Amino acid sequence: MDTFKLVVFEEHGSGEKKIQGISEHGTGLEISRRYNIEESLPALVDDPERYIPEDFSADLVLDFLKHPDLSSYLVQVCRKKNIPVVASGKRHAGAMTPFT
């Protein structure tokens, strides 16, 4: 079986518990990259590309970002790359939003 590659975007370790669960119980899943934004963000992020790089590939992106400007930009990037996004615990156009 091929490994299913995940990329995680989070702020201040906001996805830590879910990542731990994936690591412990996710068969065939690999978190290939993890982007953790630690700095304080302004109310309006005019330059989301500063925080969200475009040089990643994955089978699925997990969005644990708290800032809506960053989540919105992440979905745009993933849409261009044809990578589905799961945005747990929030409703966001263009992302799958499962119950938490």
N, C-alpha and C. Protein backbone atom coordinates (compact mmCIF):
# COMPACT_ATOMS: atom_id res chain seq x y z
N MET A 1 0.84 -1.18 0.00
CA MET A 1 0.00 0.00 0.00
C MET A 1 0.88 1.25 0.00
N ASP A 2 0.53 2.22 -0.82
CA ASP A 2 1.26 3.48 -0.87
C ASP A 2 0.94 4.32 0.36
N THR A 3 1.88 5.15 0.74
CA THR A 3 1.68 6.06 1.86
C THR A 3 0.90 7.27 1.39
N PHE A 4 -0.08 7.66 2.17
CA PHE A 4 -0.91 8.83 1.90
C PHE A 4 -0.25 10.01 2.60
N LYS A 5 0.20 11.00 1.83
CA LYS A 5 0.98 12.11 2.38
C LYS A 5 0.09 13.29 2.78
N LEU A 6 0.29 13.72 4.03
CA LEU A 6 -0.44 14.86 4.59
C LEU A 6 0.52 16.01 4.82
N VAL A 7 0.02 17.23 4.59
CA VAL A 7 0.74 18.45 4.98
C VAL A 7 -0.17 19.19 5.93
N VAL A 8 0.42 19.68 7.02
CA VAL A 8 -0.34 20.34 8.08
C VAL A 8 0.07 21.80 8.17
N PHE A 9 -0.93 22.69 8.24
CA PHE A 9 -0.72 24.10 8.52
C PHE A 9 -1.42 24.42 9.83
N GLU A 10 -0.69 25.05 10.75
CA GLU A 10 -1.23 25.33 12.07
C GLU A 10 -0.64 26.63 12.63
N GLU A 11 -1.27 27.12 13.69
CA GLU A 11 -0.76 28.28 14.42
C GLU A 11 -0.56 27.89 15.87
N HIS A 12 0.62 28.19 16.39
CA HIS A 12 0.93 27.95 17.80
C HIS A 12 0.61 26.51 18.22
N GLY A 13 0.91 25.55 17.35
CA GLY A 13 0.70 24.14 17.69
C GLY A 13 -0.76 23.73 17.78
N SER A 14 -1.65 24.46 17.10
CA SER A 14 -3.09 24.22 17.22
C SER A 14 -3.54 22.84 16.73
N GLY A 15 -2.74 22.15 15.96
CA GLY A 15 -3.12 20.83 15.48
C GLY A 15 -2.43 19.70 16.22
N GLU A 16 -1.75 20.01 17.30
CA GLU A 16 -0.92 19.03 18.01
C GLU A 16 -1.66 17.74 18.38
N LYS A 17 -2.82 17.86 19.00
CA LYS A 17 -3.56 16.66 19.44
C LYS A 17 -4.00 15.80 18.25
N LYS A 18 -4.46 16.44 17.19
CA LYS A 18 -4.90 15.68 16.01
C LYS A 18 -3.70 15.02 15.33
N ILE A 19 -2.58 15.74 15.28
CA ILE A 19 -1.37 15.18 14.68
C ILE A 19 -0.90 13.98 15.49
N GLN A 20 -0.97 14.09 16.78
CA GLN A 20 -0.59 12.97 17.65
C GLN A 20 -1.48 11.76 17.38
N GLY A 21 -2.78 11.99 17.22
CA GLY A 21 -3.70 10.90 16.90
C GLY A 21 -3.40 10.26 15.56
N ILE A 22 -3.08 11.06 14.58
CA ILE A 22 -2.73 10.54 13.26
C ILE A 22 -1.46 9.70 13.36
N SER A 23 -0.48 10.21 14.08
CA SER A 23 0.78 9.49 14.23
C SER A 23 0.59 8.15 14.93
N GLU A 24 -0.26 8.12 15.95
CA GLU A 24 -0.46 6.89 16.72
C GLU A 24 -1.39 5.89 16.04
N HIS A 25 -2.40 6.38 15.33
CA HIS A 25 -3.44 5.48 14.82
C HIS A 25 -3.61 5.48 13.31
N GLY A 26 -2.94 6.36 12.61
CA GLY A 26 -3.11 6.47 11.16
C GLY A 26 -2.26 5.48 10.40
N THR A 27 -2.87 4.43 9.92
CA THR A 27 -2.16 3.42 9.15
C THR A 27 -2.03 3.90 7.71
N GLY A 28 -0.82 3.90 7.19
CA GLY A 28 -0.60 4.32 5.81
C GLY A 28 -0.60 5.82 5.62
N LEU A 29 -0.58 6.58 6.72
CA LEU A 29 -0.56 8.03 6.65
C LEU A 29 0.81 8.55 7.07
N GLU A 30 1.28 9.56 6.37
CA GLU A 30 2.56 10.19 6.71
C GLU A 30 2.38 11.70 6.69
N ILE A 31 2.73 12.35 7.79
CA ILE A 31 2.76 13.81 7.80
C ILE A 31 4.11 14.20 7.23
N SER A 32 4.09 14.59 5.95
CA SER A 32 5.34 14.83 5.23
C SER A 32 5.89 16.23 5.49
N ARG A 33 5.03 17.14 5.91
CA ARG A 33 5.49 18.51 6.20
C ARG A 33 4.53 19.14 7.19
N ARG A 34 5.09 19.96 8.04
CA ARG A 34 4.28 20.65 9.06
C ARG A 34 4.73 22.09 9.11
N TYR A 35 3.80 23.01 8.86
CA TYR A 35 4.07 24.44 8.92
C TYR A 35 3.37 25.00 10.15
N ASN A 36 4.14 25.49 11.10
CA ASN A 36 3.60 26.02 12.34
C ASN A 36 3.96 27.50 12.44
N ILE A 37 2.95 28.35 12.41
CA ILE A 37 3.17 29.80 12.51
C ILE A 37 3.13 30.17 13.98
N GLU A 38 4.24 30.68 14.49
CA GLU A 38 4.36 31.00 15.91
C GLU A 38 4.21 32.49 16.22
N GLU A 39 4.31 33.34 15.22
CA GLU A 39 4.27 34.77 15.50
C GLU A 39 2.84 35.29 15.63
N SER A 40 2.71 36.42 16.31
CA SER A 40 1.40 37.08 16.42
C SER A 40 1.05 37.68 15.07
N LEU A 41 -0.20 37.58 14.71
CA LEU A 41 -0.65 38.06 13.40
C LEU A 41 -1.53 39.29 13.55
N PRO A 42 -1.49 40.18 12.57
CA PRO A 42 -2.39 41.34 12.60
C PRO A 42 -3.83 40.90 12.33
N ALA A 43 -4.77 41.79 12.62
CA ALA A 43 -6.18 41.48 12.38
C ALA A 43 -6.44 41.19 10.90
N LEU A 44 -5.73 41.87 10.01
CA LEU A 44 -5.87 41.68 8.57
C LEU A 44 -4.49 41.32 8.02
N VAL A 45 -4.39 40.18 7.37
CA VAL A 45 -3.12 39.75 6.78
C VAL A 45 -3.16 40.09 5.29
N ASP A 46 -2.38 41.10 4.91
CA ASP A 46 -2.33 41.54 3.52
C ASP A 46 -1.39 40.70 2.66
N ASP A 47 -0.47 39.99 3.30
CA ASP A 47 0.53 39.22 2.57
C ASP A 47 0.57 37.77 3.04
N PRO A 48 -0.52 37.02 2.81
CA PRO A 48 -0.58 35.64 3.30
C PRO A 48 0.52 34.74 2.73
N GLU A 49 1.03 35.08 1.56
CA GLU A 49 2.10 34.29 0.96
C GLU A 49 3.38 34.32 1.81
N ARG A 50 3.47 35.27 2.70
CA ARG A 50 4.59 35.34 3.64
C ARG A 50 4.54 34.16 4.62
N TYR A 51 3.35 33.69 4.91
CA TYR A 51 3.15 32.62 5.89
C TYR A 51 2.83 31.27 5.27
N ILE A 52 2.25 31.29 4.08
CA ILE A 52 1.82 30.06 3.40
C ILE A 52 2.66 29.89 2.13
N PRO A 53 3.66 29.01 2.17
CA PRO A 53 4.46 28.79 0.95
C PRO A 53 3.66 27.98 -0.07
N GLU A 54 4.11 28.02 -1.30
CA GLU A 54 3.44 27.25 -2.35
C GLU A 54 4.28 26.07 -2.81
N ASP A 55 5.40 25.81 -2.18
CA ASP A 55 6.32 24.77 -2.64
C ASP A 55 6.14 23.44 -1.92
N PHE A 56 4.89 23.02 -1.74
CA PHE A 56 4.63 21.75 -1.09
C PHE A 56 3.75 20.89 -2.00
N SER A 57 3.81 19.59 -1.74
CA SER A 57 2.91 18.67 -2.43
C SER A 57 2.37 17.71 -1.39
N ALA A 58 1.16 17.24 -1.62
CA ALA A 58 0.51 16.35 -0.66
C ALA A 58 -0.69 15.69 -1.32
N ASP A 59 -1.18 14.65 -0.67
CA ASP A 59 -2.44 14.05 -1.07
C ASP A 59 -3.61 14.76 -0.39
N LEU A 60 -3.32 15.37 0.77
CA LEU A 60 -4.34 16.08 1.54
C LEU A 60 -3.66 17.10 2.44
N VAL A 61 -4.29 18.27 2.58
CA VAL A 61 -3.79 19.31 3.49
C VAL A 61 -4.76 19.42 4.65
N LEU A 62 -4.21 19.48 5.86
CA LEU A 62 -4.99 19.70 7.08
C LEU A 62 -4.78 21.14 7.52
N ASP A 63 -5.87 21.89 7.63
CA ASP A 63 -5.84 23.30 7.99
C ASP A 63 -6.27 23.47 9.44
N PHE A 64 -5.30 23.73 10.32
CA PHE A 64 -5.58 24.05 11.71
C PHE A 64 -5.26 25.51 11.99
N LEU A 65 -5.22 26.31 10.93
CA LEU A 65 -4.95 27.74 11.07
C LEU A 65 -6.13 28.41 11.75
N LYS A 66 -5.84 29.41 12.54
CA LYS A 66 -6.89 30.16 13.24
C LYS A 66 -7.29 31.42 12.48
N HIS A 67 -6.36 31.99 11.75
CA HIS A 67 -6.62 33.26 11.07
C HIS A 67 -7.36 33.01 9.75
N PRO A 68 -8.53 33.62 9.57
CA PRO A 68 -9.32 33.35 8.36
C PRO A 68 -8.63 33.78 7.06
N ASP A 69 -7.82 34.83 7.10
CA ASP A 69 -7.11 35.25 5.88
C ASP A 69 -6.12 34.18 5.43
N LEU A 70 -5.48 33.52 6.38
CA LEU A 70 -4.52 32.47 6.04
C LEU A 70 -5.24 31.22 5.53
N SER A 71 -6.33 30.86 6.17
CA SER A 71 -7.11 29.70 5.70
C SER A 71 -7.63 29.93 4.29
N SER A 72 -8.12 31.11 4.03
CA SER A 72 -8.64 31.44 2.71
C SER A 72 -7.55 31.33 1.65
N TYR A 73 -6.40 31.87 1.95
CA TYR A 73 -5.29 31.80 1.00
C TYR A 73 -4.82 30.35 0.81
N LEU A 74 -4.76 29.60 1.89
CA LEU A 74 -4.35 28.20 1.80
C LEU A 74 -5.27 27.42 0.86
N VAL A 75 -6.57 27.65 0.96
CA VAL A 75 -7.52 26.97 0.08
C VAL A 75 -7.27 27.37 -1.38
N GLN A 76 -6.97 28.64 -1.62
CA GLN A 76 -6.67 29.09 -2.99
C GLN A 76 -5.45 28.36 -3.55
N VAL A 77 -4.39 28.29 -2.74
CA VAL A 77 -3.17 27.61 -3.17
C VAL A 77 -3.46 26.14 -3.47
N CYS A 78 -4.17 25.50 -2.57
CA CYS A 78 -4.47 24.07 -2.74
C CYS A 78 -5.39 23.82 -3.93
N ARG A 79 -6.30 24.72 -4.16
CA ARG A 79 -7.19 24.58 -5.33
C ARG A 79 -6.37 24.58 -6.62
N LYS A 80 -5.39 25.50 -6.71
CA LYS A 80 -4.51 25.55 -7.89
C LYS A 80 -3.71 24.26 -8.04
N LYS A 81 -3.33 23.66 -6.92
CA LYS A 81 -2.52 22.45 -6.93
C LYS A 81 -3.38 21.18 -6.97
N ASN A 82 -4.70 21.36 -6.94
CA ASN A 82 -5.63 20.23 -6.95
C ASN A 82 -5.43 19.30 -5.75
N ILE A 83 -5.24 19.92 -4.58
CA ILE A 83 -5.07 19.18 -3.32
C ILE A 83 -6.28 19.50 -2.44
N PRO A 84 -7.01 18.49 -1.98
CA PRO A 84 -8.13 18.76 -1.08
C PRO A 84 -7.64 19.25 0.28
N VAL A 85 -8.50 20.05 0.93
CA VAL A 85 -8.19 20.64 2.24
C VAL A 85 -9.28 20.24 3.23
N VAL A 86 -8.86 19.82 4.41
CA VAL A 86 -9.78 19.58 5.52
C VAL A 86 -9.52 20.67 6.54
N ALA A 87 -10.55 21.47 6.82
CA ALA A 87 -10.46 22.57 7.79
C ALA A 87 -11.33 22.21 8.97
N SER A 88 -10.75 21.51 9.90
CA SER A 88 -11.48 20.97 11.04
C SER A 88 -12.02 22.07 11.95
N GLY A 89 -13.30 21.97 12.28
CA GLY A 89 -13.90 22.86 13.25
C GLY A 89 -14.30 24.22 12.74
N LYS A 90 -14.27 24.45 11.44
CA LYS A 90 -14.69 25.75 10.91
C LYS A 90 -15.29 25.56 9.52
N ARG A 91 -16.16 26.44 9.16
CA ARG A 91 -16.74 26.41 7.82
C ARG A 91 -15.93 27.34 6.94
N HIS A 92 -15.46 26.78 5.83
CA HIS A 92 -14.66 27.58 4.93
C HIS A 92 -14.93 27.13 3.50
N ALA A 93 -15.33 28.06 2.66
CA ALA A 93 -15.61 27.74 1.26
C ALA A 93 -14.38 27.10 0.62
N GLY A 94 -14.60 25.99 -0.04
CA GLY A 94 -13.52 25.31 -0.74
C GLY A 94 -12.80 24.27 0.10
N ALA A 95 -13.18 24.13 1.36
CA ALA A 95 -12.54 23.12 2.23
C ALA A 95 -13.61 22.20 2.79
N MET A 96 -13.22 20.97 3.05
CA MET A 96 -14.10 20.03 3.73
C MET A 96 -14.08 20.37 5.22
N THR A 97 -15.24 20.39 5.84
CA THR A 97 -15.32 20.80 7.24
C THR A 97 -16.07 19.76 8.06
N PRO A 98 -15.35 18.74 8.53
CA PRO A 98 -16.00 17.70 9.31
C PRO A 98 -16.33 18.18 10.73
N PHE A 99 -17.21 17.45 11.39
CA PHE A 99 -17.50 17.74 12.79
C PHE A 99 -16.26 17.44 13.61
N THR A 100 -16.09 18.18 14.70
CA THR A 100 -14.95 17.91 15.60
C THR A 100 -15.43 17.35 16.91
